[in-house]
Amino acid sequence: MTRSKAGPRERILTDDELRIVWKTAGNAGVMGNYLRFLLLTAARKSEAADLEWSELTQADWTLPAARNKTKVDLVRPLSKLAQSILPKPEGKFVFTKGGSSINKRLAGYKHNFDIQVLDELRKADAAAQPLPRWTLHDLRRTARSLMSRAGVPSDHAERCLGHVIGGVRGVYDRHEYHREKAQAFEALAALIDRIVKGESAKVVRIK
């Protein structure tokens, strides 16, 4: 198969798409919890799919260097909303089917979820069409965009995603920014909550 010459994807979910995906996820079992978790943590799909209970400590998720693209430990403070959707432990992995990580079967689960989304849409409109093609990575991009919309400073949002801050700041600033990341994820969760409830998405910029 020849790799597409198209540029990098820029797809993010609209508010209406976010609402239907979130609503459908509420009745989609493990896959639904996983998708909501992706949105609330801005994690890469494999990072969340292979999440182990041992990586969670109170309200923090420490992604070990071995599983992080940047090869350093990444601490993500979990918002209260993200914590609330974690399932009950059933073995090693948080998001599991039969004790195994869902990672290797994500394509099939995503296909089935898209069918569920269309079924949900057609409850309101029998002629509804499927959502324009979207990928799991689009949820990470959507979460990052929502952080900006929620007033999260760019540097803090980038740290939440696990991106390395370049230049002199990246070399000399070794502060972990735990408090700032926690505020950013709570701001993201609050905005998502308002959107899915159909409430005003007006936000106050984080200082």
N, C-alpha and C. Protein backbone atom coordinates (compact mmCIF):
# COMPACT_ATOMS: atom_id res chain seq x y z
N MET A 1 0.84 -1.19 0.00
CA MET A 1 0.00 0.00 0.00
C MET A 1 0.88 1.25 0.00
N THR A 2 0.58 2.21 -0.86
CA THR A 2 1.35 3.43 -0.93
C THR A 2 0.86 4.42 0.10
N ARG A 3 1.78 5.00 0.86
CA ARG A 3 1.41 5.98 1.87
C ARG A 3 0.87 7.23 1.19
N SER A 4 -0.22 7.77 1.72
CA SER A 4 -0.81 8.98 1.16
C SER A 4 0.18 10.13 1.24
N LYS A 5 0.17 10.98 0.19
CA LYS A 5 1.03 12.15 0.17
C LYS A 5 0.35 13.36 0.79
N ALA A 6 -0.86 13.17 1.30
CA ALA A 6 -1.57 14.28 1.93
C ALA A 6 -0.84 14.71 3.19
N GLY A 7 -1.04 15.96 3.56
CA GLY A 7 -0.39 16.50 4.75
C GLY A 7 -0.96 15.90 6.00
N PRO A 8 -0.45 16.33 7.16
CA PRO A 8 -0.92 15.80 8.44
C PRO A 8 -2.40 16.10 8.64
N ARG A 9 -3.09 15.20 9.29
CA ARG A 9 -4.52 15.39 9.53
C ARG A 9 -4.74 16.57 10.48
N GLU A 10 -5.84 17.27 10.24
CA GLU A 10 -6.17 18.42 11.08
C GLU A 10 -7.55 18.27 11.69
N ARG A 11 -8.12 17.08 11.59
CA ARG A 11 -9.50 16.85 12.01
C ARG A 11 -9.66 16.97 13.52
N ILE A 12 -10.63 17.78 13.94
CA ILE A 12 -11.07 17.78 15.33
C ILE A 12 -12.59 17.62 15.30
N LEU A 13 -13.14 17.10 16.38
CA LEU A 13 -14.58 16.91 16.44
C LEU A 13 -15.27 18.24 16.74
N THR A 14 -16.37 18.49 16.04
CA THR A 14 -17.18 19.66 16.35
C THR A 14 -17.93 19.42 17.66
N ASP A 15 -18.55 20.44 18.18
CA ASP A 15 -19.31 20.26 19.42
C ASP A 15 -20.43 19.25 19.23
N ASP A 16 -21.13 19.31 18.10
CA ASP A 16 -22.21 18.34 17.85
C ASP A 16 -21.67 16.92 17.77
N GLU A 17 -20.52 16.75 17.10
CA GLU A 17 -19.91 15.42 17.00
C GLU A 17 -19.44 14.94 18.37
N LEU A 18 -18.89 15.86 19.14
CA LEU A 18 -18.43 15.51 20.48
C LEU A 18 -19.61 15.04 21.34
N ARG A 19 -20.73 15.70 21.21
CA ARG A 19 -21.91 15.32 22.00
C ARG A 19 -22.39 13.92 21.65
N ILE A 20 -22.46 13.60 20.35
CA ILE A 20 -22.99 12.29 19.97
C ILE A 20 -21.99 11.18 20.31
N VAL A 21 -20.70 11.46 20.16
CA VAL A 21 -19.67 10.47 20.53
C VAL A 21 -19.70 10.22 22.03
N TRP A 22 -19.80 11.28 22.81
CA TRP A 22 -19.84 11.15 24.27
C TRP A 22 -21.10 10.39 24.70
N LYS A 23 -22.23 10.74 24.10
CA LYS A 23 -23.49 10.08 24.46
C LYS A 23 -23.44 8.59 24.14
N THR A 24 -22.98 8.26 22.94
CA THR A 24 -22.88 6.86 22.53
C THR A 24 -21.92 6.10 23.42
N ALA A 25 -20.83 6.75 23.81
CA ALA A 25 -19.82 6.11 24.66
C ALA A 25 -20.41 5.68 26.00
N GLY A 26 -21.45 6.39 26.44
CA GLY A 26 -22.06 6.04 27.72
C GLY A 26 -22.72 4.68 27.73
N ASN A 27 -22.99 4.13 26.55
CA ASN A 27 -23.61 2.81 26.44
C ASN A 27 -22.75 1.83 25.64
N ALA A 28 -21.45 2.11 25.61
CA ALA A 28 -20.56 1.30 24.78
C ALA A 28 -19.53 0.53 25.60
N GLY A 29 -19.80 0.32 26.87
CA GLY A 29 -18.95 -0.52 27.69
C GLY A 29 -17.51 -0.05 27.78
N VAL A 30 -16.59 -1.00 27.70
CA VAL A 30 -15.16 -0.71 27.84
C VAL A 30 -14.69 0.30 26.79
N MET A 31 -15.13 0.13 25.55
CA MET A 31 -14.71 1.04 24.48
C MET A 31 -15.21 2.45 24.76
N GLY A 32 -16.41 2.57 25.29
CA GLY A 32 -16.95 3.88 25.60
C GLY A 32 -16.16 4.58 26.69
N ASN A 33 -15.83 3.85 27.75
CA ASN A 33 -15.01 4.42 28.82
C ASN A 33 -13.64 4.84 28.30
N TYR A 34 -13.08 4.00 27.44
CA TYR A 34 -11.78 4.28 26.86
C TYR A 34 -11.81 5.56 26.02
N LEU A 35 -12.83 5.73 25.19
CA LEU A 35 -12.93 6.91 24.34
C LEU A 35 -13.08 8.18 25.17
N ARG A 36 -13.90 8.11 26.21
CA ARG A 36 -14.06 9.27 27.08
C ARG A 36 -12.73 9.60 27.78
N PHE A 37 -12.02 8.56 28.17
CA PHE A 37 -10.73 8.75 28.85
C PHE A 37 -9.72 9.41 27.90
N LEU A 38 -9.73 9.02 26.64
CA LEU A 38 -8.85 9.65 25.66
C LEU A 38 -9.11 11.15 25.58
N LEU A 39 -10.37 11.52 25.51
CA LEU A 39 -10.73 12.94 25.43
C LEU A 39 -10.30 13.71 26.67
N LEU A 40 -10.46 13.10 27.82
CA LEU A 40 -10.20 13.79 29.09
C LEU A 40 -8.73 13.85 29.45
N THR A 41 -7.90 13.01 28.82
CA THR A 41 -6.47 12.98 29.14
C THR A 41 -5.58 13.42 27.98
N ALA A 42 -6.15 13.55 26.78
CA ALA A 42 -5.37 13.92 25.60
C ALA A 42 -4.23 12.94 25.35
N ALA A 43 -4.43 11.71 25.75
CA ALA A 43 -3.39 10.69 25.61
C ALA A 43 -3.35 10.12 24.20
N ARG A 44 -2.22 9.54 23.84
CA ARG A 44 -2.14 8.78 22.60
C ARG A 44 -2.96 7.50 22.79
N LYS A 45 -3.49 6.98 21.69
CA LYS A 45 -4.41 5.84 21.79
C LYS A 45 -3.77 4.62 22.45
N SER A 46 -2.51 4.35 22.13
CA SER A 46 -1.86 3.16 22.71
C SER A 46 -1.50 3.39 24.18
N GLU A 47 -1.19 4.63 24.54
CA GLU A 47 -0.88 4.93 25.94
C GLU A 47 -2.05 4.56 26.84
N ALA A 48 -3.26 4.97 26.41
CA ALA A 48 -4.45 4.68 27.22
C ALA A 48 -4.89 3.23 27.08
N ALA A 49 -4.78 2.67 25.89
CA ALA A 49 -5.23 1.29 25.67
C ALA A 49 -4.43 0.29 26.50
N ASP A 50 -3.14 0.58 26.71
CA ASP A 50 -2.28 -0.32 27.48
C ASP A 50 -2.10 0.14 28.93
N LEU A 51 -2.94 1.06 29.37
CA LEU A 51 -2.84 1.57 30.74
C LEU A 51 -3.00 0.45 31.76
N GLU A 52 -2.06 0.39 32.70
CA GLU A 52 -2.10 -0.61 33.77
C GLU A 52 -2.47 0.06 35.08
N TRP A 53 -3.15 -0.69 35.94
CA TRP A 53 -3.54 -0.15 37.24
C TRP A 53 -2.33 0.29 38.05
N SER A 54 -1.21 -0.36 37.84
CA SER A 54 0.00 -0.03 38.59
C SER A 54 0.52 1.36 38.26
N GLU A 55 0.07 1.93 37.14
CA GLU A 55 0.51 3.27 36.74
C GLU A 55 -0.32 4.38 37.40
N LEU A 56 -1.38 4.00 38.09
CA LEU A 56 -2.26 4.97 38.74
C LEU A 56 -1.97 5.04 40.23
N THR A 57 -1.78 6.26 40.72
CA THR A 57 -1.57 6.49 42.14
C THR A 57 -2.43 7.67 42.55
N GLN A 58 -3.46 7.40 43.34
CA GLN A 58 -4.40 8.44 43.75
C GLN A 58 -4.95 9.13 42.50
N ALA A 59 -4.66 10.42 42.34
CA ALA A 59 -5.23 11.15 41.20
C ALA A 59 -4.23 11.34 40.06
N ASP A 60 -3.12 10.61 40.08
CA ASP A 60 -2.09 10.75 39.05
C ASP A 60 -1.95 9.48 38.22
N TRP A 61 -1.69 9.70 36.93
CA TRP A 61 -1.32 8.62 36.03
C TRP A 61 0.12 8.88 35.60
N THR A 62 1.02 7.99 35.97
CA THR A 62 2.42 8.11 35.56
C THR A 62 2.68 7.16 34.41
N LEU A 63 2.81 7.74 33.23
CA LEU A 63 3.15 6.95 32.05
C LEU A 63 4.65 6.69 32.09
N PRO A 64 5.07 5.43 32.20
CA PRO A 64 6.51 5.14 32.33
C PRO A 64 7.28 5.46 31.06
N ALA A 65 8.54 5.78 31.22
CA ALA A 65 9.39 6.15 30.09
C ALA A 65 9.36 5.09 28.98
N ALA A 66 9.27 3.83 29.37
CA ALA A 66 9.29 2.74 28.39
C ALA A 66 8.09 2.80 27.45
N ARG A 67 7.00 3.42 27.89
CA ARG A 67 5.79 3.50 27.05
C ARG A 67 5.56 4.91 26.50
N ASN A 68 6.48 5.82 26.81
CA ASN A 68 6.33 7.20 26.38
C ASN A 68 7.20 7.48 25.16
N LYS A 69 6.63 8.13 24.16
CA LYS A 69 7.35 8.42 22.93
C LYS A 69 8.62 9.22 23.19
N THR A 70 8.60 10.08 24.23
CA THR A 70 9.76 10.90 24.53
C THR A 70 10.77 10.21 25.45
N LYS A 71 10.45 8.98 25.90
CA LYS A 71 11.34 8.15 26.71
C LYS A 71 11.66 8.74 28.09
N VAL A 72 10.71 9.49 28.64
CA VAL A 72 10.80 9.97 30.02
C VAL A 72 9.46 9.72 30.68
N ASP A 73 9.46 9.58 32.01
CA ASP A 73 8.20 9.42 32.72
C ASP A 73 7.34 10.67 32.53
N LEU A 74 6.05 10.47 32.35
CA LEU A 74 5.11 11.59 32.20
C LEU A 74 4.00 11.43 33.23
N VAL A 75 3.87 12.43 34.10
CA VAL A 75 2.81 12.42 35.10
C VAL A 75 1.63 13.24 34.58
N ARG A 76 0.49 12.58 34.48
CA ARG A 76 -0.74 13.27 34.10
C ARG A 76 -1.69 13.27 35.30
N PRO A 77 -1.95 14.43 35.90
CA PRO A 77 -2.98 14.49 36.94
C PRO A 77 -4.34 14.23 36.30
N LEU A 78 -5.12 13.33 36.88
CA LEU A 78 -6.43 13.01 36.32
C LEU A 78 -7.50 13.92 36.91
N SER A 79 -8.33 14.48 36.05
CA SER A 79 -9.44 15.29 36.54
C SER A 79 -10.43 14.40 37.29
N LYS A 80 -11.27 15.02 38.07
CA LYS A 80 -12.29 14.24 38.79
C LYS A 80 -13.18 13.49 37.83
N LEU A 81 -13.49 14.10 36.68
CA LEU A 81 -14.33 13.43 35.70
C LEU A 81 -13.63 12.21 35.11
N ALA A 82 -12.34 12.34 34.82
CA ALA A 82 -11.56 11.21 34.30
C ALA A 82 -11.50 10.08 35.31
N GLN A 83 -11.33 10.42 36.58
CA GLN A 83 -11.29 9.39 37.62
C GLN A 83 -12.63 8.66 37.73
N SER A 84 -13.71 9.39 37.51
CA SER A 84 -15.05 8.82 37.70
C SER A 84 -15.42 7.78 36.66
N ILE A 85 -14.74 7.78 35.51
CA ILE A 85 -15.11 6.82 34.46
C ILE A 85 -14.20 5.60 34.46
N LEU A 86 -13.23 5.56 35.37
CA LEU A 86 -12.38 4.37 35.44
C LEU A 86 -13.22 3.18 35.89
N PRO A 87 -13.08 2.04 35.22
CA PRO A 87 -13.87 0.86 35.59
C PRO A 87 -13.33 0.20 36.86
N LYS A 88 -14.04 -0.78 37.35
CA LYS A 88 -13.55 -1.54 38.48
C LYS A 88 -12.40 -2.44 38.01
N PRO A 89 -11.38 -2.60 38.84
CA PRO A 89 -10.22 -3.42 38.43
C PRO A 89 -10.61 -4.86 38.08
N GLU A 90 -10.11 -5.29 36.93
CA GLU A 90 -10.30 -6.68 36.50
C GLU A 90 -9.00 -7.18 35.90
N GLY A 91 -8.00 -7.30 36.72
CA GLY A 91 -6.72 -7.77 36.21
C GLY A 91 -5.72 -6.65 36.07
N LYS A 92 -4.76 -6.84 35.19
CA LYS A 92 -3.62 -5.95 35.04
C LYS A 92 -3.97 -4.63 34.35
N PHE A 93 -4.81 -4.71 33.31
CA PHE A 93 -5.09 -3.54 32.50
C PHE A 93 -6.38 -2.84 32.93
N VAL A 94 -6.41 -1.53 32.74
CA VAL A 94 -7.59 -0.74 33.10
C VAL A 94 -8.70 -0.97 32.09
N PHE A 95 -8.37 -0.88 30.80
CA PHE A 95 -9.35 -1.09 29.73
C PHE A 95 -9.08 -2.46 29.11
N THR A 96 -9.90 -3.42 29.50
CA THR A 96 -9.58 -4.80 29.16
C THR A 96 -10.79 -5.58 28.67
N LYS A 97 -10.52 -6.54 27.83
CA LYS A 97 -11.50 -7.53 27.39
C LYS A 97 -10.90 -8.90 27.67
N GLY A 98 -11.47 -9.63 28.61
CA GLY A 98 -10.96 -10.95 28.93
C GLY A 98 -9.59 -10.94 29.54
N GLY A 99 -9.22 -9.84 30.20
CA GLY A 99 -7.93 -9.77 30.86
C GLY A 99 -6.81 -9.20 30.01
N SER A 100 -7.05 -9.06 28.70
CA SER A 100 -6.02 -8.52 27.80
C SER A 100 -6.27 -7.05 27.52
N SER A 101 -5.22 -6.35 27.17
CA SER A 101 -5.35 -4.97 26.74
C SER A 101 -6.22 -4.91 25.48
N ILE A 102 -6.95 -3.82 25.31
CA ILE A 102 -7.78 -3.67 24.11
C ILE A 102 -6.98 -3.16 22.92
N ASN A 103 -5.69 -2.91 23.12
CA ASN A 103 -4.89 -2.22 22.11
C ASN A 103 -4.90 -2.91 20.75
N LYS A 104 -4.69 -4.22 20.75
CA LYS A 104 -4.56 -4.92 19.46
C LYS A 104 -5.89 -5.07 18.72
N ARG A 105 -7.01 -4.75 19.39
CA ARG A 105 -8.32 -4.92 18.75
C ARG A 105 -9.04 -3.59 18.58
N LEU A 106 -8.28 -2.50 18.67
CA LEU A 106 -8.91 -1.19 18.61
C LEU A 106 -9.63 -0.92 17.29
N ALA A 107 -9.07 -1.39 16.18
CA ALA A 107 -9.70 -1.13 14.88
C ALA A 107 -11.11 -1.73 14.83
N GLY A 108 -11.24 -2.95 15.32
CA GLY A 108 -12.56 -3.59 15.32
C GLY A 108 -13.52 -2.91 16.28
N TYR A 109 -13.03 -2.55 17.45
CA TYR A 109 -13.88 -1.86 18.43
C TYR A 109 -14.33 -0.50 17.89
N LYS A 110 -13.41 0.20 17.21
CA LYS A 110 -13.75 1.52 16.64
C LYS A 110 -14.81 1.35 15.55
N HIS A 111 -14.69 0.33 14.72
CA HIS A 111 -15.69 0.07 13.67
C HIS A 111 -17.06 -0.17 14.28
N ASN A 112 -17.11 -0.98 15.31
CA ASN A 112 -18.39 -1.26 15.97
C ASN A 112 -18.95 -0.01 16.64
N PHE A 113 -18.06 0.81 17.18
CA PHE A 113 -18.51 2.04 17.84
C PHE A 113 -19.12 2.99 16.80
N ASP A 114 -18.53 3.08 15.63
CA ASP A 114 -19.08 3.95 14.58
C ASP A 114 -20.49 3.51 14.20
N ILE A 115 -20.73 2.22 14.19
CA ILE A 115 -22.07 1.71 13.91
C ILE A 115 -23.04 2.15 15.01
N GLN A 116 -22.58 2.07 16.26
CA GLN A 116 -23.41 2.50 17.38
C GLN A 116 -23.72 4.00 17.30
N VAL A 117 -22.74 4.79 16.88
CA VAL A 117 -22.96 6.23 16.73
C VAL A 117 -24.04 6.49 15.69
N LEU A 118 -23.96 5.80 14.56
CA LEU A 118 -24.96 5.98 13.50
C LEU A 118 -26.34 5.55 13.99
N ASP A 119 -26.41 4.46 14.72
CA ASP A 119 -27.70 4.02 15.28
C ASP A 119 -28.28 5.10 16.19
N GLU A 120 -27.41 5.72 16.99
CA GLU A 120 -27.85 6.78 17.91
C GLU A 120 -28.35 7.99 17.12
N LEU A 121 -27.64 8.36 16.07
CA LEU A 121 -28.05 9.49 15.24
C LEU A 121 -29.41 9.24 14.59
N ARG A 122 -29.64 7.99 14.18
CA ARG A 122 -30.88 7.67 13.47
C ARG A 122 -32.09 7.53 14.38
N LYS A 123 -31.85 7.58 15.69
CA LYS A 123 -32.98 7.63 16.61
C LYS A 123 -33.70 8.97 16.49
N ALA A 124 -32.93 10.01 16.13
CA ALA A 124 -33.50 11.35 15.96
C ALA A 124 -33.81 11.66 14.52
N ASP A 125 -33.08 11.04 13.59
CA ASP A 125 -33.27 11.30 12.16
C ASP A 125 -32.98 10.01 11.40
N ALA A 126 -34.03 9.40 10.88
CA ALA A 126 -33.88 8.11 10.19
C ALA A 126 -32.97 8.19 8.98
N ALA A 127 -32.78 9.38 8.44
CA ALA A 127 -31.95 9.54 7.25
C ALA A 127 -30.54 10.03 7.59
N ALA A 128 -30.21 10.03 8.86
CA ALA A 128 -28.89 10.53 9.28
C ALA A 128 -27.76 9.74 8.63
N GLN A 129 -26.68 10.43 8.31
CA GLN A 129 -25.50 9.81 7.70
C GLN A 129 -24.40 9.62 8.75
N PRO A 130 -23.47 8.71 8.49
CA PRO A 130 -22.36 8.51 9.44
C PRO A 130 -21.56 9.80 9.62
N LEU A 131 -20.88 9.92 10.74
CA LEU A 131 -20.00 11.06 10.93
C LEU A 131 -18.89 11.03 9.88
N PRO A 132 -18.43 12.19 9.42
CA PRO A 132 -17.25 12.20 8.54
C PRO A 132 -16.13 11.42 9.21
N ARG A 133 -15.31 10.75 8.41
CA ARG A 133 -14.27 9.88 8.94
C ARG A 133 -13.47 10.57 10.05
N TRP A 134 -13.37 9.87 11.17
CA TRP A 134 -12.55 10.37 12.27
C TRP A 134 -11.77 9.21 12.86
N THR A 135 -10.63 9.54 13.45
CA THR A 135 -9.75 8.52 14.01
C THR A 135 -9.62 8.73 15.51
N LEU A 136 -9.06 7.75 16.18
CA LEU A 136 -8.84 7.87 17.62
C LEU A 136 -7.86 8.99 17.92
N HIS A 137 -6.89 9.19 17.05
CA HIS A 137 -5.92 10.26 17.29
C HIS A 137 -6.58 11.63 17.19
N ASP A 138 -7.68 11.72 16.45
CA ASP A 138 -8.40 13.00 16.36
C ASP A 138 -8.92 13.43 17.73
N LEU A 139 -9.15 12.49 18.63
CA LEU A 139 -9.61 12.84 19.98
C LEU A 139 -8.50 13.56 20.75
N ARG A 140 -7.27 13.16 20.54
CA ARG A 140 -6.12 13.84 21.17
C ARG A 140 -6.03 15.27 20.65
N ARG A 141 -6.18 15.42 19.34
CA ARG A 141 -6.13 16.76 18.73
C ARG A 141 -7.31 17.61 19.19
N THR A 142 -8.47 16.97 19.33
CA THR A 142 -9.65 17.69 19.82
C THR A 142 -9.44 18.17 21.24
N ALA A 143 -8.90 17.30 22.10
CA ALA A 143 -8.64 17.67 23.49
C ALA A 143 -7.67 18.84 23.57
N ARG A 144 -6.62 18.80 22.75
CA ARG A 144 -5.65 19.90 22.75
C ARG A 144 -6.30 21.21 22.33
N SER A 145 -7.15 21.16 21.32
CA SER A 145 -7.84 22.36 20.86
C SER A 145 -8.80 22.88 21.93
N LEU A 146 -9.46 21.97 22.62
CA LEU A 146 -10.38 22.37 23.69
C LEU A 146 -9.63 23.03 24.84
N MET A 147 -8.41 22.58 25.11
CA MET A 147 -7.63 23.23 26.15
C MET A 147 -7.39 24.70 25.82
N SER A 148 -7.04 24.98 24.57
CA SER A 148 -6.86 26.37 24.16
C SER A 148 -8.16 27.14 24.31
N ARG A 149 -9.23 26.52 23.91
CA ARG A 149 -10.55 27.15 24.02
C ARG A 149 -10.92 27.41 25.48
N ALA A 150 -10.43 26.56 26.38
CA ALA A 150 -10.72 26.71 27.80
C ALA A 150 -9.78 27.70 28.48
N GLY A 151 -8.89 28.29 27.70
CA GLY A 151 -7.99 29.29 28.26
C GLY A 151 -6.73 28.75 28.88
N VAL A 152 -6.40 27.49 28.60
CA VAL A 152 -5.17 26.90 29.14
C VAL A 152 -3.97 27.47 28.38
N PRO A 153 -2.97 28.02 29.08
CA PRO A 153 -1.77 28.52 28.39
C PRO A 153 -1.14 27.43 27.54
N SER A 154 -0.61 27.82 26.39
CA SER A 154 -0.09 26.86 25.42
C SER A 154 0.98 25.94 26.00
N ASP A 155 1.93 26.49 26.75
CA ASP A 155 3.00 25.66 27.31
C ASP A 155 2.44 24.58 28.24
N HIS A 156 1.45 24.95 29.05
CA HIS A 156 0.86 23.99 29.97
C HIS A 156 0.12 22.90 29.21
N ALA A 157 -0.59 23.29 28.16
CA ALA A 157 -1.32 22.31 27.35
C ALA A 157 -0.35 21.34 26.68
N GLU A 158 0.76 21.85 26.17
CA GLU A 158 1.75 21.00 25.53
C GLU A 158 2.35 20.01 26.52
N ARG A 159 2.58 20.45 27.73
CA ARG A 159 3.10 19.55 28.76
C ARG A 159 2.08 18.48 29.12
N CYS A 160 0.80 18.83 29.11
CA CYS A 160 -0.24 17.85 29.37
C CYS A 160 -0.21 16.73 28.33
N LEU A 161 0.10 17.09 27.09
CA LEU A 161 0.18 16.10 26.03
C LEU A 161 1.48 15.31 26.07
N GLY A 162 2.43 15.77 26.87
CA GLY A 162 3.71 15.07 26.95
C GLY A 162 4.71 15.56 25.94
N HIS A 163 4.42 16.70 25.29
CA HIS A 163 5.36 17.25 24.33
C HIS A 163 6.53 17.90 25.05
N VAL A 164 7.68 17.85 24.45
CA VAL A 164 8.88 18.44 25.02
C VAL A 164 8.94 19.91 24.63
N ILE A 165 9.13 20.78 25.62
CA ILE A 165 9.29 22.21 25.36
C ILE A 165 10.72 22.45 24.90
N GLY A 166 10.89 22.98 23.71
CA GLY A 166 12.22 23.12 23.14
C GLY A 166 12.94 24.38 23.57
N GLY A 167 14.13 24.56 23.06
CA GLY A 167 14.91 25.76 23.31
C GLY A 167 15.51 25.81 24.70
N VAL A 168 15.92 27.00 25.09
CA VAL A 168 16.57 27.20 26.38
C VAL A 168 15.64 26.84 27.52
N ARG A 169 14.35 27.17 27.39
CA ARG A 169 13.39 26.84 28.46
C ARG A 169 13.36 25.35 28.71
N GLY A 170 13.38 24.56 27.64
CA GLY A 170 13.33 23.12 27.80
C GLY A 170 14.55 22.56 28.49
N VAL A 171 15.70 23.23 28.32
CA VAL A 171 16.95 22.76 28.91
C VAL A 171 17.04 23.14 30.38
N TYR A 172 16.64 24.37 30.70
CA TYR A 172 16.89 24.89 32.05
C TYR A 172 15.68 24.82 32.98
N ASP A 173 14.49 24.75 32.43
CA ASP A 173 13.30 24.72 33.28
C ASP A 173 12.92 23.27 33.57
N ARG A 174 13.27 22.78 34.75
CA ARG A 174 13.02 21.38 35.12
C ARG A 174 11.80 21.23 36.03
N HIS A 175 11.07 22.31 36.23
CA HIS A 175 9.86 22.25 37.05
C HIS A 175 8.86 21.28 36.43
N GLU A 176 8.18 20.49 37.25
CA GLU A 176 7.27 19.46 36.73
C GLU A 176 5.89 20.01 36.36
N TYR A 177 5.52 21.20 36.86
CA TYR A 177 4.25 21.83 36.50
C TYR A 177 3.04 20.96 36.84
N HIS A 178 3.12 20.25 37.96
CA HIS A 178 2.01 19.36 38.32
C HIS A 178 0.73 20.14 38.58
N ARG A 179 0.82 21.21 39.35
CA ARG A 179 -0.38 22.00 39.66
C ARG A 179 -0.99 22.59 38.41
N GLU A 180 -0.14 23.10 37.52
CA GLU A 180 -0.64 23.71 36.30
C GLU A 180 -1.30 22.68 35.38
N LYS A 181 -0.72 21.49 35.32
CA LYS A 181 -1.32 20.44 34.50
C LYS A 181 -2.65 19.98 35.10
N ALA A 182 -2.71 19.90 36.43
CA ALA A 182 -3.97 19.52 37.08
C ALA A 182 -5.06 20.53 36.77
N GLN A 183 -4.73 21.82 36.83
CA GLN A 183 -5.70 22.86 36.50
C GLN A 183 -6.13 22.75 35.04
N ALA A 184 -5.19 22.45 34.17
CA ALA A 184 -5.50 22.34 32.74
C ALA A 184 -6.47 21.19 32.47
N PHE A 185 -6.23 20.04 33.10
CA PHE A 185 -7.12 18.91 32.87
C PHE A 185 -8.50 19.14 33.49
N GLU A 186 -8.57 19.84 34.60
CA GLU A 186 -9.88 20.17 35.18
C GLU A 186 -10.62 21.15 34.27
N ALA A 187 -9.89 22.10 33.69
CA ALA A 187 -10.52 23.05 32.76
C ALA A 187 -11.04 22.33 31.52
N LEU A 188 -10.26 21.37 31.02
CA LEU A 188 -10.69 20.57 29.87
C LEU A 188 -11.94 19.79 30.21
N ALA A 189 -11.96 19.14 31.37
CA ALA A 189 -13.11 18.34 31.78
C ALA A 189 -14.35 19.21 31.93
N ALA A 190 -14.18 20.40 32.52
CA ALA A 190 -15.31 21.30 32.72
C ALA A 190 -15.90 21.75 31.39
N LEU A 191 -15.04 22.04 30.41
CA LEU A 191 -15.52 22.46 29.10
C LEU A 191 -16.23 21.32 28.39
N ILE A 192 -15.65 20.12 28.43
CA ILE A 192 -16.30 18.97 27.81
C ILE A 192 -17.66 18.73 28.45
N ASP A 193 -17.73 18.84 29.77
CA ASP A 193 -18.98 18.64 30.48
C ASP A 193 -20.04 19.63 30.03
N ARG A 194 -19.64 20.89 29.87
CA ARG A 194 -20.60 21.90 29.41
C ARG A 194 -21.06 21.63 27.99
N ILE A 195 -20.12 21.22 27.13
CA ILE A 195 -20.47 20.96 25.74
C ILE A 195 -21.45 19.81 25.62
N VAL A 196 -21.17 18.70 26.29
CA VAL A 196 -22.02 17.51 26.15
C VAL A 196 -23.39 17.72 26.79
N LYS A 197 -23.47 18.65 27.73
CA LYS A 197 -24.76 18.97 28.35
C LYS A 197 -25.51 20.06 27.59
N GLY A 198 -24.88 20.60 26.54
CA GLY A 198 -25.52 21.62 25.75
C GLY A 198 -25.57 22.97 26.44
N GLU A 199 -24.67 23.18 27.43
CA GLU A 199 -24.65 24.44 28.15
C GLU A 199 -23.67 25.40 27.50
N SER A 200 -23.66 26.64 27.97
CA SER A 200 -22.77 27.65 27.45
C SER A 200 -21.32 27.20 27.61
N ALA A 201 -20.53 27.39 26.56
CA ALA A 201 -19.12 26.99 26.62
C ALA A 201 -18.22 28.16 26.93
N LYS A 202 -18.79 29.24 27.49
CA LYS A 202 -17.98 30.39 27.88
C LYS A 202 -17.05 29.98 29.01
N VAL A 203 -15.80 30.36 28.91
CA VAL A 203 -14.81 29.93 29.89
C VAL A 203 -14.04 31.15 30.40
N VAL A 204 -13.35 30.93 31.51
CA VAL A 204 -12.49 31.96 32.09
C VAL A 204 -11.04 31.53 31.92
N ARG A 205 -10.21 32.40 31.40
CA ARG A 205 -8.82 32.05 31.13
C ARG A 205 -8.07 31.74 32.42
N ILE A 206 -7.28 30.66 32.39
CA ILE A 206 -6.45 30.28 33.52
C ILE A 206 -5.26 31.21 33.60
N LYS A 207 -4.96 31.69 34.79
CA LYS A 207 -3.79 32.56 34.97
C LYS A 207 -2.61 31.75 35.46
